[in-house]
N, C-alpha and C. Protein backbone atom coordinates (compact mmCIF):
# COMPACT_ATOMS: atom_id res chain seq x y z
N UNK A 1 -47.65 -40.12 33.59
CA UNK A 1 -46.51 -40.88 33.11
C UNK A 1 -46.64 -41.17 31.61
N UNK A 2 -47.87 -41.53 31.21
CA UNK A 2 -48.13 -41.80 29.80
C UNK A 2 -47.87 -40.57 28.95
N UNK A 3 -48.25 -39.39 29.47
CA UNK A 3 -48.06 -38.15 28.72
C UNK A 3 -46.57 -37.85 28.54
N UNK A 4 -45.77 -38.10 29.61
CA UNK A 4 -44.34 -37.86 29.54
C UNK A 4 -43.69 -38.79 28.52
N UNK A 5 -44.12 -40.05 28.50
CA UNK A 5 -43.55 -41.02 27.56
C UNK A 5 -43.91 -40.64 26.13
N UNK A 6 -45.11 -40.15 25.92
CA UNK A 6 -45.55 -39.74 24.59
C UNK A 6 -44.74 -38.57 24.06
N UNK A 7 -44.49 -37.60 24.93
CA UNK A 7 -43.67 -36.43 24.53
C UNK A 7 -42.25 -36.87 24.16
N UNK A 8 -41.68 -37.76 24.98
CA UNK A 8 -40.31 -38.23 24.72
C UNK A 8 -40.24 -38.97 23.39
N UNK A 9 -41.24 -39.79 23.12
CA UNK A 9 -41.27 -40.52 21.86
C UNK A 9 -41.42 -39.57 20.68
N UNK A 10 -42.26 -38.58 20.86
CA UNK A 10 -42.47 -37.61 19.79
C UNK A 10 -41.19 -36.85 19.45
N UNK A 11 -40.41 -36.51 20.49
CA UNK A 11 -39.15 -35.78 20.26
C UNK A 11 -38.15 -36.65 19.52
N UNK A 12 -38.08 -37.94 19.89
CA UNK A 12 -37.14 -38.84 19.22
C UNK A 12 -37.50 -39.06 17.77
N UNK A 13 -38.77 -39.07 17.48
CA UNK A 13 -39.24 -39.35 16.12
C UNK A 13 -39.38 -38.10 15.26
N UNK A 14 -39.16 -36.92 15.85
CA UNK A 14 -39.30 -35.67 15.10
C UNK A 14 -38.14 -35.50 14.12
N UNK A 15 -38.41 -35.43 12.82
CA UNK A 15 -37.42 -35.30 11.75
C UNK A 15 -37.42 -33.91 11.12
N UNK A 16 -38.13 -32.98 11.69
CA UNK A 16 -38.33 -31.69 11.02
C UNK A 16 -37.05 -30.88 10.85
N UNK A 17 -36.03 -31.05 11.70
CA UNK A 17 -34.78 -30.28 11.58
C UNK A 17 -33.65 -31.05 10.95
N UNK A 18 -33.90 -32.30 10.53
CA UNK A 18 -32.82 -33.15 10.01
C UNK A 18 -32.21 -32.57 8.75
N UNK A 19 -33.03 -32.06 7.86
CA UNK A 19 -32.53 -31.51 6.59
C UNK A 19 -31.58 -30.35 6.82
N UNK A 20 -31.94 -29.50 7.77
CA UNK A 20 -31.11 -28.33 8.08
C UNK A 20 -29.75 -28.76 8.63
N UNK A 21 -29.75 -29.77 9.51
CA UNK A 21 -28.49 -30.26 10.08
C UNK A 21 -27.63 -30.91 9.00
N UNK A 22 -28.25 -31.71 8.14
CA UNK A 22 -27.51 -32.37 7.06
C UNK A 22 -26.93 -31.34 6.09
N UNK A 23 -27.70 -30.31 5.80
CA UNK A 23 -27.21 -29.25 4.91
C UNK A 23 -26.01 -28.54 5.53
N UNK A 24 -26.07 -28.27 6.84
CA UNK A 24 -24.95 -27.60 7.51
C UNK A 24 -23.68 -28.44 7.47
N UNK A 25 -23.83 -29.77 7.54
CA UNK A 25 -22.66 -30.65 7.51
C UNK A 25 -22.04 -30.73 6.11
N UNK A 26 -22.89 -30.67 5.09
CA UNK A 26 -22.42 -30.83 3.71
C UNK A 26 -22.03 -29.52 3.05
N UNK A 27 -22.68 -28.42 3.43
CA UNK A 27 -22.50 -27.14 2.73
C UNK A 27 -21.07 -26.63 2.79
N UNK A 28 -20.42 -26.73 3.96
CA UNK A 28 -19.05 -26.21 4.11
C UNK A 28 -18.07 -26.87 3.16
N UNK A 29 -17.91 -28.20 3.22
CA UNK A 29 -16.98 -28.87 2.30
C UNK A 29 -17.36 -28.68 0.83
N UNK A 30 -18.66 -28.69 0.54
CA UNK A 30 -19.10 -28.51 -0.85
C UNK A 30 -18.73 -27.13 -1.37
N UNK A 31 -18.92 -26.10 -0.53
CA UNK A 31 -18.59 -24.73 -0.93
C UNK A 31 -17.09 -24.59 -1.15
N UNK A 32 -16.29 -25.20 -0.25
CA UNK A 32 -14.84 -25.14 -0.39
C UNK A 32 -14.39 -25.83 -1.68
N UNK A 33 -14.99 -26.99 -1.98
CA UNK A 33 -14.67 -27.70 -3.21
C UNK A 33 -15.04 -26.88 -4.44
N UNK A 34 -16.21 -26.26 -4.41
CA UNK A 34 -16.68 -25.46 -5.54
C UNK A 34 -15.76 -24.27 -5.80
N UNK A 35 -15.36 -23.57 -4.72
CA UNK A 35 -14.48 -22.42 -4.87
C UNK A 35 -13.09 -22.85 -5.34
N UNK A 36 -12.65 -24.03 -4.87
CA UNK A 36 -11.36 -24.55 -5.31
C UNK A 36 -11.35 -24.85 -6.80
N UNK A 37 -12.44 -25.43 -7.30
CA UNK A 37 -12.55 -25.72 -8.73
C UNK A 37 -12.56 -24.43 -9.54
N UNK A 38 -13.27 -23.43 -9.05
CA UNK A 38 -13.31 -22.14 -9.75
C UNK A 38 -11.94 -21.47 -9.76
N UNK A 39 -11.20 -21.60 -8.65
CA UNK A 39 -9.87 -21.01 -8.57
C UNK A 39 -8.92 -21.70 -9.55
N UNK A 40 -8.98 -23.04 -9.62
CA UNK A 40 -8.15 -23.77 -10.57
C UNK A 40 -8.53 -23.42 -12.01
N UNK A 41 -9.82 -23.27 -12.26
CA UNK A 41 -10.28 -22.89 -13.59
C UNK A 41 -9.77 -21.53 -14.00
N UNK A 42 -9.77 -20.59 -13.04
CA UNK A 42 -9.28 -19.23 -13.31
C UNK A 42 -7.78 -19.27 -13.61
N UNK A 43 -7.03 -20.06 -12.83
CA UNK A 43 -5.59 -20.16 -13.05
C UNK A 43 -5.31 -20.74 -14.44
N UNK A 44 -6.04 -21.79 -14.81
CA UNK A 44 -5.86 -22.39 -16.13
C UNK A 44 -6.19 -21.42 -17.25
N UNK A 45 -7.23 -20.62 -17.04
CA UNK A 45 -7.64 -19.65 -18.05
C UNK A 45 -6.57 -18.57 -18.23
N UNK A 46 -6.04 -18.05 -17.11
CA UNK A 46 -4.98 -17.04 -17.18
C UNK A 46 -3.74 -17.63 -17.87
N UNK A 47 -3.41 -18.88 -17.55
CA UNK A 47 -2.26 -19.54 -18.16
C UNK A 47 -2.42 -19.64 -19.68
N UNK A 48 -3.60 -20.06 -20.11
CA UNK A 48 -3.85 -20.22 -21.54
C UNK A 48 -3.84 -18.89 -22.28
N UNK A 49 -4.51 -17.89 -21.71
CA UNK A 49 -4.57 -16.57 -22.37
C UNK A 49 -3.19 -15.92 -22.39
N UNK A 50 -2.42 -16.06 -21.30
CA UNK A 50 -1.09 -15.45 -21.28
C UNK A 50 -0.18 -16.07 -22.34
N UNK A 51 -0.32 -17.38 -22.59
CA UNK A 51 0.45 -18.01 -23.67
C UNK A 51 0.07 -17.40 -25.01
N UNK A 52 -1.23 -17.25 -25.24
CA UNK A 52 -1.71 -16.70 -26.51
C UNK A 52 -1.22 -15.27 -26.71
N UNK A 53 -1.31 -14.46 -25.67
CA UNK A 53 -0.86 -13.06 -25.75
C UNK A 53 0.65 -13.01 -26.02
N UNK A 54 1.41 -13.85 -25.31
CA UNK A 54 2.87 -13.85 -25.48
C UNK A 54 3.26 -14.24 -26.90
N UNK A 55 2.61 -15.28 -27.45
CA UNK A 55 2.90 -15.69 -28.83
C UNK A 55 2.58 -14.58 -29.83
N UNK A 56 1.45 -13.92 -29.63
CA UNK A 56 1.05 -12.85 -30.56
C UNK A 56 2.03 -11.69 -30.51
N UNK A 57 2.39 -11.26 -29.30
CA UNK A 57 3.31 -10.13 -29.15
C UNK A 57 4.69 -10.49 -29.69
N UNK A 58 5.14 -11.73 -29.46
CA UNK A 58 6.45 -12.16 -29.96
C UNK A 58 6.49 -12.13 -31.48
N UNK A 59 5.40 -12.56 -32.11
CA UNK A 59 5.36 -12.51 -33.59
C UNK A 59 5.40 -11.06 -34.08
N UNK A 60 4.65 -10.18 -33.41
CA UNK A 60 4.66 -8.77 -33.80
C UNK A 60 6.04 -8.14 -33.62
N UNK A 61 6.73 -8.56 -32.55
CA UNK A 61 8.04 -7.97 -32.25
C UNK A 61 9.13 -8.49 -33.16
N UNK A 62 8.88 -9.58 -33.86
CA UNK A 62 9.92 -10.19 -34.71
C UNK A 62 10.28 -9.32 -35.91
N UNK A 63 9.50 -8.28 -36.16
CA UNK A 63 9.82 -7.37 -37.27
C UNK A 63 10.93 -6.38 -36.89
N UNK A 64 11.28 -6.34 -35.60
CA UNK A 64 12.33 -5.44 -35.15
C UNK A 64 11.87 -4.02 -34.93
N UNK A 65 10.55 -3.81 -34.92
CA UNK A 65 10.03 -2.45 -34.79
C UNK A 65 9.43 -2.17 -33.41
N UNK A 66 9.67 -3.05 -32.44
CA UNK A 66 9.13 -2.85 -31.09
C UNK A 66 10.26 -2.87 -30.07
N UNK A 67 10.21 -1.94 -29.13
CA UNK A 67 11.17 -1.93 -28.03
C UNK A 67 10.66 -2.84 -26.93
N UNK A 68 11.52 -3.14 -25.95
CA UNK A 68 11.12 -3.98 -24.84
C UNK A 68 9.97 -3.33 -24.06
N UNK A 69 10.02 -2.01 -23.91
CA UNK A 69 8.95 -1.30 -23.21
C UNK A 69 7.62 -1.46 -23.94
N UNK A 70 7.67 -1.41 -25.26
CA UNK A 70 6.45 -1.58 -26.05
C UNK A 70 5.93 -3.02 -25.96
N UNK A 71 6.85 -3.97 -25.91
CA UNK A 71 6.46 -5.38 -25.75
C UNK A 71 5.76 -5.58 -24.41
N UNK A 72 6.35 -5.03 -23.35
CA UNK A 72 5.74 -5.14 -22.01
C UNK A 72 4.36 -4.50 -21.98
N UNK A 73 4.23 -3.35 -22.65
CA UNK A 73 2.94 -2.65 -22.69
C UNK A 73 1.89 -3.48 -23.42
N UNK A 74 2.29 -4.10 -24.53
CA UNK A 74 1.37 -4.94 -25.30
C UNK A 74 0.89 -6.13 -24.48
N UNK A 75 1.80 -6.75 -23.75
CA UNK A 75 1.45 -7.90 -22.90
C UNK A 75 0.50 -7.46 -21.79
N UNK A 76 0.83 -6.35 -21.14
CA UNK A 76 -0.03 -5.85 -20.06
C UNK A 76 -1.41 -5.49 -20.58
N UNK A 77 -1.48 -4.87 -21.75
CA UNK A 77 -2.78 -4.52 -22.34
C UNK A 77 -3.59 -5.77 -22.66
N UNK A 78 -2.90 -6.81 -23.12
CA UNK A 78 -3.59 -8.04 -23.48
C UNK A 78 -4.15 -8.80 -22.29
N UNK A 79 -3.56 -8.57 -21.11
CA UNK A 79 -4.00 -9.28 -19.91
C UNK A 79 -4.75 -8.39 -18.92
N UNK A 80 -4.84 -7.12 -19.22
CA UNK A 80 -5.39 -6.16 -18.27
C UNK A 80 -6.80 -6.51 -17.80
N UNK A 81 -7.65 -6.94 -18.71
CA UNK A 81 -9.05 -7.23 -18.35
C UNK A 81 -9.19 -8.57 -17.62
N UNK A 82 -8.13 -9.36 -17.59
CA UNK A 82 -8.22 -10.71 -17.05
C UNK A 82 -7.62 -10.85 -15.66
N UNK A 83 -6.47 -10.22 -15.42
CA UNK A 83 -5.78 -10.41 -14.14
C UNK A 83 -6.33 -9.47 -13.08
N UNK A 84 -6.11 -9.82 -11.82
CA UNK A 84 -6.57 -9.00 -10.70
C UNK A 84 -5.70 -7.75 -10.57
N UNK A 85 -6.22 -6.76 -9.85
CA UNK A 85 -5.54 -5.47 -9.75
C UNK A 85 -4.15 -5.58 -9.13
N UNK A 86 -3.98 -6.50 -8.18
CA UNK A 86 -2.69 -6.61 -7.47
C UNK A 86 -1.70 -7.52 -8.18
N UNK A 87 -2.04 -8.01 -9.37
CA UNK A 87 -1.14 -8.91 -10.09
C UNK A 87 0.08 -8.16 -10.61
N UNK A 88 1.21 -8.84 -10.60
CA UNK A 88 2.46 -8.28 -11.13
C UNK A 88 2.86 -9.10 -12.35
N UNK A 89 3.01 -8.42 -13.48
CA UNK A 89 3.36 -9.09 -14.74
C UNK A 89 4.74 -8.61 -15.18
N UNK A 90 5.66 -9.54 -15.40
CA UNK A 90 6.99 -9.15 -15.88
C UNK A 90 7.31 -9.91 -17.16
N UNK A 91 7.99 -9.23 -18.08
CA UNK A 91 8.37 -9.81 -19.36
C UNK A 91 9.88 -9.67 -19.51
N UNK A 92 10.54 -10.76 -19.90
CA UNK A 92 11.99 -10.71 -20.13
C UNK A 92 12.31 -11.32 -21.49
N UNK A 93 13.36 -10.83 -22.12
CA UNK A 93 13.76 -11.33 -23.43
C UNK A 93 15.26 -11.59 -23.46
N UNK A 94 15.64 -12.65 -24.17
CA UNK A 94 17.05 -12.98 -24.38
C UNK A 94 17.21 -13.34 -25.85
N UNK A 95 18.26 -12.82 -26.48
CA UNK A 95 18.47 -13.14 -27.90
C UNK A 95 19.68 -14.07 -28.06
N UNK A 96 19.59 -14.92 -29.10
CA UNK A 96 20.62 -15.90 -29.40
C UNK A 96 20.89 -15.88 -30.90
N UNK A 97 22.05 -16.41 -31.29
CA UNK A 97 22.43 -16.44 -32.70
C UNK A 97 21.57 -17.44 -33.48
N UNK A 98 21.29 -18.61 -32.87
CA UNK A 98 20.45 -19.60 -33.52
C UNK A 98 19.76 -20.47 -32.46
N UNK A 99 18.84 -21.33 -32.91
CA UNK A 99 18.05 -22.14 -31.99
C UNK A 99 18.91 -23.11 -31.18
N UNK A 100 19.99 -23.61 -31.77
CA UNK A 100 20.80 -24.61 -31.08
C UNK A 100 21.48 -24.06 -29.83
N UNK A 101 21.58 -22.73 -29.73
CA UNK A 101 22.28 -22.14 -28.59
C UNK A 101 21.35 -21.63 -27.50
N UNK A 102 20.03 -21.75 -27.69
CA UNK A 102 19.09 -21.23 -26.70
C UNK A 102 19.26 -21.97 -25.38
N UNK A 103 19.56 -21.20 -24.34
CA UNK A 103 19.72 -21.77 -23.01
C UNK A 103 21.02 -22.51 -22.77
N UNK A 104 21.92 -22.50 -23.74
CA UNK A 104 23.18 -23.23 -23.61
C UNK A 104 24.26 -22.34 -22.99
N UNK A 105 25.27 -22.96 -22.36
CA UNK A 105 26.39 -22.18 -21.81
C UNK A 105 27.35 -21.76 -22.92
N UNK A 106 28.19 -20.80 -22.61
CA UNK A 106 29.21 -20.40 -23.57
C UNK A 106 30.20 -21.54 -23.76
N UNK A 107 30.84 -21.54 -24.92
CA UNK A 107 31.68 -22.68 -25.31
C UNK A 107 33.10 -22.53 -24.78
N UNK A 108 33.56 -23.60 -24.12
CA UNK A 108 34.95 -23.65 -23.67
C UNK A 108 35.83 -24.00 -24.87
N UNK A 109 36.90 -23.23 -25.08
CA UNK A 109 37.84 -23.55 -26.15
C UNK A 109 39.11 -24.18 -25.60
N UNK A 110 39.42 -23.89 -24.35
CA UNK A 110 40.57 -24.52 -23.68
C UNK A 110 40.13 -24.96 -22.29
N UNK A 111 40.21 -26.26 -22.03
CA UNK A 111 39.84 -26.81 -20.73
C UNK A 111 41.01 -27.68 -20.27
N UNK A 112 41.98 -27.03 -19.61
CA UNK A 112 43.25 -27.68 -19.29
C UNK A 112 43.11 -28.96 -18.48
N UNK A 113 42.16 -29.00 -17.54
CA UNK A 113 42.03 -30.21 -16.72
C UNK A 113 40.81 -31.05 -17.11
N UNK A 114 40.17 -30.69 -18.23
CA UNK A 114 39.04 -31.46 -18.77
C UNK A 114 37.92 -31.72 -17.75
N UNK A 115 37.62 -30.69 -16.94
CA UNK A 115 36.54 -30.87 -15.96
C UNK A 115 35.23 -30.21 -16.40
N UNK A 116 35.24 -29.60 -17.59
CA UNK A 116 34.01 -28.99 -18.10
C UNK A 116 33.66 -27.67 -17.45
N UNK A 117 34.55 -27.13 -16.64
CA UNK A 117 34.31 -25.86 -15.96
C UNK A 117 35.44 -24.89 -16.29
N UNK A 118 35.14 -23.58 -16.09
CA UNK A 118 36.16 -22.57 -16.36
C UNK A 118 37.05 -22.41 -15.14
N UNK A 119 38.30 -22.76 -15.30
CA UNK A 119 39.30 -22.63 -14.24
C UNK A 119 40.38 -21.65 -14.69
N UNK A 120 41.22 -21.18 -13.77
CA UNK A 120 42.32 -20.29 -14.17
C UNK A 120 43.14 -20.89 -15.31
N UNK A 121 43.34 -20.10 -16.36
CA UNK A 121 44.09 -20.55 -17.53
C UNK A 121 43.23 -21.11 -18.64
N UNK A 122 41.95 -21.41 -18.37
CA UNK A 122 41.04 -21.90 -19.41
C UNK A 122 40.54 -20.74 -20.26
N UNK A 123 40.06 -21.06 -21.47
CA UNK A 123 39.52 -20.05 -22.37
C UNK A 123 38.10 -20.42 -22.79
N UNK A 124 37.30 -19.42 -23.07
CA UNK A 124 35.93 -19.64 -23.55
C UNK A 124 35.56 -18.54 -24.53
N UNK A 125 34.58 -18.83 -25.36
CA UNK A 125 34.11 -17.84 -26.33
C UNK A 125 33.08 -16.96 -25.64
N UNK A 126 33.42 -15.69 -25.49
CA UNK A 126 32.56 -14.74 -24.78
C UNK A 126 31.54 -14.16 -25.76
N UNK A 127 30.50 -14.95 -26.06
CA UNK A 127 29.55 -14.54 -27.09
C UNK A 127 28.80 -13.25 -26.78
N UNK A 128 28.50 -13.01 -25.52
CA UNK A 128 27.73 -11.81 -25.19
C UNK A 128 28.61 -10.64 -24.75
N UNK A 129 29.92 -10.83 -24.80
CA UNK A 129 30.84 -9.72 -24.57
C UNK A 129 30.90 -9.16 -23.16
N UNK A 130 30.51 -9.96 -22.14
CA UNK A 130 30.55 -9.41 -20.78
C UNK A 130 31.77 -9.86 -19.99
N UNK A 131 32.68 -10.61 -20.66
CA UNK A 131 33.93 -11.07 -20.06
C UNK A 131 33.72 -11.97 -18.86
N UNK A 132 32.55 -12.63 -18.78
CA UNK A 132 32.24 -13.58 -17.72
C UNK A 132 31.69 -14.84 -18.37
N UNK A 133 32.10 -16.01 -17.88
CA UNK A 133 31.56 -17.26 -18.43
C UNK A 133 30.13 -17.44 -17.94
N UNK A 134 29.20 -17.55 -18.89
CA UNK A 134 27.78 -17.65 -18.55
C UNK A 134 27.23 -19.02 -18.90
N UNK A 135 26.39 -19.56 -18.02
CA UNK A 135 25.75 -20.84 -18.31
C UNK A 135 24.59 -20.66 -19.29
N UNK A 136 24.17 -19.43 -19.49
CA UNK A 136 23.18 -19.11 -20.54
C UNK A 136 23.65 -17.80 -21.15
N UNK A 137 24.21 -17.89 -22.36
CA UNK A 137 24.86 -16.70 -22.90
C UNK A 137 23.92 -15.78 -23.67
N UNK A 138 22.62 -15.93 -23.50
CA UNK A 138 21.68 -15.04 -24.16
C UNK A 138 21.95 -13.58 -23.82
N UNK A 139 21.69 -12.72 -24.79
CA UNK A 139 21.90 -11.29 -24.60
C UNK A 139 20.54 -10.64 -24.35
N UNK A 140 20.44 -9.88 -23.27
CA UNK A 140 19.17 -9.22 -22.93
C UNK A 140 18.75 -8.30 -24.07
N UNK A 141 17.46 -8.35 -24.41
CA UNK A 141 16.94 -7.50 -25.47
C UNK A 141 16.28 -8.31 -26.56
N UNK A 142 15.94 -7.64 -27.63
CA UNK A 142 15.20 -8.29 -28.71
C UNK A 142 16.08 -8.68 -29.89
N UNK A 143 17.40 -8.57 -29.75
CA UNK A 143 18.32 -9.03 -30.78
C UNK A 143 18.25 -8.27 -32.08
N UNK A 144 18.85 -8.85 -33.12
CA UNK A 144 18.88 -8.22 -34.44
C UNK A 144 18.24 -9.12 -35.48
N UNK A 145 18.45 -8.82 -36.75
CA UNK A 145 17.86 -9.62 -37.83
C UNK A 145 18.25 -11.09 -37.74
N UNK A 146 17.28 -11.97 -37.93
CA UNK A 146 17.50 -13.43 -37.96
C UNK A 146 17.93 -14.02 -36.61
N UNK A 147 18.04 -13.22 -35.57
CA UNK A 147 18.37 -13.75 -34.25
C UNK A 147 17.16 -14.47 -33.67
N UNK A 148 17.42 -15.40 -32.78
CA UNK A 148 16.37 -16.10 -32.05
C UNK A 148 16.14 -15.36 -30.74
N UNK A 149 14.91 -15.00 -30.47
CA UNK A 149 14.60 -14.26 -29.24
C UNK A 149 13.68 -15.12 -28.38
N UNK A 150 14.13 -15.35 -27.15
CA UNK A 150 13.33 -16.10 -26.18
C UNK A 150 12.56 -15.09 -25.31
N UNK A 151 11.25 -15.23 -25.31
CA UNK A 151 10.38 -14.35 -24.53
C UNK A 151 9.84 -15.13 -23.33
N UNK A 152 9.87 -14.52 -22.16
CA UNK A 152 9.30 -15.16 -20.98
C UNK A 152 8.39 -14.19 -20.24
N UNK A 153 7.24 -14.70 -19.82
CA UNK A 153 6.30 -13.90 -19.05
C UNK A 153 6.10 -14.57 -17.70
N UNK A 154 6.16 -13.79 -16.63
CA UNK A 154 5.93 -14.28 -15.27
C UNK A 154 4.81 -13.46 -14.65
N UNK A 155 3.82 -14.16 -14.13
CA UNK A 155 2.67 -13.50 -13.50
C UNK A 155 2.59 -13.95 -12.05
N UNK A 156 2.56 -12.99 -11.15
CA UNK A 156 2.35 -13.27 -9.73
C UNK A 156 1.07 -12.55 -9.32
N UNK A 157 0.07 -13.32 -8.88
CA UNK A 157 -1.24 -12.74 -8.63
C UNK A 157 -1.87 -13.34 -7.39
N UNK A 158 -2.65 -12.53 -6.66
CA UNK A 158 -3.44 -13.12 -5.57
C UNK A 158 -4.42 -14.13 -6.16
N UNK A 159 -4.77 -15.13 -5.40
CA UNK A 159 -5.75 -16.10 -5.88
C UNK A 159 -7.12 -15.46 -5.99
N UNK A 160 -7.96 -16.05 -6.83
CA UNK A 160 -9.29 -15.50 -7.07
C UNK A 160 -10.12 -15.49 -5.79
N UNK A 161 -9.98 -16.53 -4.98
CA UNK A 161 -10.70 -16.61 -3.69
C UNK A 161 -9.67 -16.80 -2.58
N UNK A 162 -9.76 -16.00 -1.51
CA UNK A 162 -8.75 -16.07 -0.44
C UNK A 162 -8.99 -17.24 0.51
N UNK A 163 -9.05 -18.44 -0.03
CA UNK A 163 -9.30 -19.62 0.79
C UNK A 163 -8.13 -20.59 0.76
N UNK A 164 -7.08 -20.26 0.01
CA UNK A 164 -5.97 -21.19 -0.18
C UNK A 164 -5.31 -21.57 1.14
N UNK A 165 -5.19 -20.59 2.05
CA UNK A 165 -4.53 -20.87 3.33
C UNK A 165 -5.28 -21.90 4.15
N UNK A 166 -6.58 -22.06 3.91
CA UNK A 166 -7.38 -23.03 4.66
C UNK A 166 -6.97 -24.46 4.33
N UNK A 167 -6.39 -24.67 3.15
CA UNK A 167 -5.96 -26.02 2.77
C UNK A 167 -4.45 -26.09 2.57
N UNK A 168 -3.74 -25.13 3.14
CA UNK A 168 -2.29 -25.16 3.14
C UNK A 168 -1.59 -24.67 1.89
N UNK A 169 -2.31 -23.94 1.02
CA UNK A 169 -1.70 -23.40 -0.19
C UNK A 169 -1.32 -21.94 0.00
N UNK A 170 -0.47 -21.44 -0.89
CA UNK A 170 -0.08 -20.03 -0.85
C UNK A 170 -1.24 -19.15 -1.32
N UNK A 171 -1.32 -17.95 -0.77
CA UNK A 171 -2.36 -17.01 -1.18
C UNK A 171 -2.04 -16.38 -2.55
N UNK A 172 -0.84 -16.65 -3.06
CA UNK A 172 -0.42 -16.09 -4.34
C UNK A 172 -0.19 -17.20 -5.35
N UNK A 173 -0.70 -17.03 -6.56
CA UNK A 173 -0.44 -18.00 -7.61
C UNK A 173 0.59 -17.41 -8.58
N UNK A 174 1.46 -18.26 -9.09
CA UNK A 174 2.47 -17.82 -10.05
C UNK A 174 2.33 -18.62 -11.34
N UNK A 175 2.44 -17.92 -12.45
CA UNK A 175 2.31 -18.53 -13.78
C UNK A 175 3.48 -18.05 -14.63
N UNK A 176 4.13 -18.99 -15.31
CA UNK A 176 5.24 -18.64 -16.20
C UNK A 176 5.04 -19.31 -17.55
N UNK A 177 5.31 -18.56 -18.60
CA UNK A 177 5.24 -19.10 -19.96
C UNK A 177 6.38 -18.52 -20.78
N UNK A 178 6.82 -19.27 -21.78
CA UNK A 178 7.90 -18.77 -22.63
C UNK A 178 7.70 -19.25 -24.06
N UNK A 179 8.32 -18.54 -24.97
CA UNK A 179 8.31 -18.92 -26.38
C UNK A 179 9.56 -18.37 -27.04
N UNK A 180 9.97 -18.98 -28.12
CA UNK A 180 11.14 -18.49 -28.87
C UNK A 180 10.74 -18.27 -30.32
N UNK A 181 11.12 -17.11 -30.85
CA UNK A 181 10.74 -16.72 -32.21
C UNK A 181 11.98 -16.19 -32.94
N UNK A 182 12.11 -16.57 -34.21
CA UNK A 182 13.19 -16.01 -35.02
C UNK A 182 12.77 -14.66 -35.59
N UNK A 183 13.64 -13.67 -35.42
CA UNK A 183 13.37 -12.35 -35.99
C UNK A 183 13.35 -12.43 -37.51
N UNK A 184 12.58 -11.57 -38.11
CA UNK A 184 12.53 -11.52 -39.57
C UNK A 184 13.84 -10.93 -40.12
N UNK A 185 14.19 -11.27 -41.33
CA UNK A 185 15.45 -10.77 -41.91
C UNK A 185 15.34 -9.32 -42.39
N UNK A 186 15.18 -8.42 -41.41
CA UNK A 186 15.03 -7.02 -41.77
C UNK A 186 16.39 -6.33 -41.97
N UNK A 187 17.44 -7.11 -41.93
CA UNK A 187 18.79 -6.60 -42.14
C UNK A 187 19.75 -7.78 -42.15
N UNK A 188 21.04 -7.51 -42.10
CA UNK A 188 22.04 -8.57 -42.08
C UNK A 188 22.30 -9.01 -40.64
N UNK A 189 22.26 -10.33 -40.41
CA UNK A 189 22.54 -10.84 -39.07
C UNK A 189 24.00 -10.63 -38.73
N UNK A 190 24.26 -10.18 -37.52
CA UNK A 190 25.63 -9.94 -37.06
C UNK A 190 26.25 -11.26 -36.66
N UNK A 191 27.41 -11.59 -37.24
CA UNK A 191 28.09 -12.84 -36.92
C UNK A 191 28.60 -12.83 -35.48
N UNK A 192 28.74 -14.03 -34.93
CA UNK A 192 29.31 -14.15 -33.59
C UNK A 192 30.78 -13.73 -33.62
N UNK A 193 31.18 -12.97 -32.61
CA UNK A 193 32.58 -12.60 -32.47
C UNK A 193 33.20 -13.55 -31.47
N UNK A 194 34.05 -14.44 -31.94
CA UNK A 194 34.62 -15.45 -31.07
C UNK A 194 35.87 -14.90 -30.40
N UNK A 195 35.67 -14.35 -29.22
CA UNK A 195 36.76 -13.78 -28.46
C UNK A 195 37.13 -14.73 -27.34
N UNK A 196 38.36 -15.17 -27.32
CA UNK A 196 38.81 -16.09 -26.27
C UNK A 196 39.30 -15.30 -25.08
N UNK A 197 38.71 -15.58 -23.91
CA UNK A 197 39.09 -14.85 -22.70
C UNK A 197 39.77 -15.81 -21.75
N UNK A 198 40.95 -15.51 -21.30
CA UNK A 198 41.66 -16.37 -20.36
C UNK A 198 41.48 -15.79 -18.97
N UNK A 199 41.01 -16.66 -18.03
CA UNK A 199 40.88 -16.19 -16.64
C UNK A 199 42.26 -16.05 -16.06
N UNK A 200 42.48 -15.02 -15.27
CA UNK A 200 43.81 -14.67 -14.78
C UNK A 200 44.03 -15.06 -13.33
N UNK A 201 42.95 -15.27 -12.57
CA UNK A 201 43.12 -15.56 -11.13
C UNK A 201 43.38 -17.03 -10.87
């Protein structure tokens, strides 16, 4: 009986496996936290570098000597060593006559019922010449001399570590950056053509 009691006491007092059990309890959450921090750090790094690349390419393009395809190539080259293979990078440009019009709607010249919207019989200045009232009348492309060009970059990429779904996040991260640059005066700026278009329906 004494021997049985001694063995039982020895088992209760044995601490030799405690460290292993404690490590197993802590290691999982700690590893998840560590990978999460690294993933956030990677996202922040891509965001910062993409801003820098976009600003540099926009300044280079302001001379009017780069096509949109060349701009996209420059951006992709600048990010190639940083983003993952499955990442999708898109670049878009819109040109405006001046900074005050960036992102603004086309101007109504006749608003018969004063509701701020284009209704039948109303007129607006069709700045981009598409015969449709636009809430952002920017013209796709890199514009002309002295025009303001808005550049936007959108990156859709798998996360650095495929653990996002474990905490309810998307497996894909998205990053967007934009900048606006005035083109250099490499020629005469084309004046706005104020064409009033009356809706007929």
